[in-house]
Amino acid sequence: MRCIIHKNVGFFHPPDGPLAAYISPFAASLDAQGYNPKTWQKQILVAAGFSQWLKQLFPRACTSSPPSESPPS
C-alpha cells in the first residue's frame, strides 16, 4: 500500500525517524511556495532518507519513551 505524503506523491512505506512528522508539511510548504513538483519530490525523498539515517545513527534518541534514569542532581 502506498502512503501519500502530498497530492499524488508518496512512499511505499510511511516515513520513519525523528523527522517523519515533518515530511508532509515540508512538501506542502515547498508546493505552496511554487517549487516545481519534481524539485520538491526530490527534496522530500532526501528529507525522508535523512530522517531514516538519523534513526539508524541515534536509535535511543528516536524513542518516544522517557529515559529510565533520572539526571544527576
Protein backbone atom coordinates (compact mmCIF):
# COMPACT_ATOMS: atom_id res chain seq x y z
CA MET A 1 0.00 0.00 0.00
CA ARG A 2 1.20 3.49 -0.76
CA CYS A 3 1.49 6.26 1.83
CA ILE A 4 0.55 9.61 0.25
CA ILE A 5 2.69 12.48 1.51
CA HIS A 6 1.29 15.38 -0.52
CA LYS A 7 -1.04 15.41 -3.50
CA ASN A 8 -0.18 12.30 -5.56
CA VAL A 9 3.34 11.93 -4.20
CA GLY A 10 4.01 9.18 -1.73
CA PHE A 11 6.14 6.33 -0.50
CA PHE A 12 5.52 2.62 -0.37
CA HIS A 13 6.13 2.78 3.39
CA PRO A 14 5.38 5.66 5.76
CA PRO A 15 8.40 7.83 6.54
CA ASP A 16 10.26 6.81 9.67
CA GLY A 17 12.60 8.52 12.08
CA PRO A 18 12.63 11.75 14.07
CA LEU A 19 11.68 13.94 11.10
CA ALA A 20 8.84 11.76 9.78
CA ALA A 21 6.11 14.05 11.15
CA TYR A 22 7.61 17.00 9.26
CA ILE A 23 7.88 15.40 5.79
CA SER A 24 4.30 16.09 4.69
CA PRO A 25 4.22 19.73 5.92
CA PHE A 26 7.61 20.26 4.27
CA ALA A 27 6.24 19.02 0.93
CA ALA A 28 3.15 21.21 1.26
CA SER A 29 5.31 24.22 2.06
CA LEU A 30 7.55 23.72 -0.97
CA ASP A 31 4.49 23.26 -3.17
CA ALA A 32 2.82 26.40 -1.76
CA GLN A 33 5.98 28.40 -2.45
CA GLY A 34 5.70 27.48 -6.12
CA TYR A 35 8.54 25.00 -6.42
CA ASN A 36 8.40 22.67 -9.39
CA PRO A 37 6.85 19.33 -8.32
CA LYS A 38 9.93 17.42 -9.50
CA THR A 39 12.07 19.61 -7.24
CA TRP A 40 10.04 19.18 -4.06
CA GLN A 41 9.55 15.49 -4.73
CA LYS A 42 13.32 15.05 -4.71
CA GLN A 43 13.59 17.17 -1.57
CA ILE A 44 11.09 15.06 0.37
CA LEU A 45 12.94 11.90 -0.65
CA VAL A 46 16.15 13.43 0.69
CA ALA A 47 14.40 14.51 3.92
CA ALA A 48 12.89 11.04 4.41
CA GLY A 49 16.27 9.42 3.82
CA PHE A 50 17.91 11.82 6.27
CA SER A 51 15.26 11.02 8.88
CA GLN A 52 15.85 7.28 8.44
CA TRP A 53 19.62 7.81 8.71
CA LEU A 54 19.18 9.79 11.94
CA LYS A 55 17.10 6.95 13.38
CA GLN A 56 19.80 4.43 12.50
CA LEU A 57 22.58 6.63 13.87
CA PHE A 58 20.82 7.57 17.12
CA PRO A 59 18.25 4.82 17.81
CA ARG A 60 17.90 5.63 21.50
CA ALA A 61 17.25 9.31 20.79
CA CYS A 62 14.36 8.41 18.50
CA THR A 63 12.28 6.52 21.02
CA SER A 64 9.16 8.10 22.42
CA SER A 65 9.60 6.67 25.92
CA PRO A 66 11.33 8.77 28.58
CA PRO A 67 14.75 7.71 29.81
CA SER A 68 14.68 5.22 32.68
CA GLU A 69 17.29 7.06 34.74
CA SER A 70 16.91 10.46 36.29
CA PRO A 71 19.62 13.02 35.55
CA PRO A 72 22.06 13.58 38.43
CA SER A 73 21.16 16.46 40.74
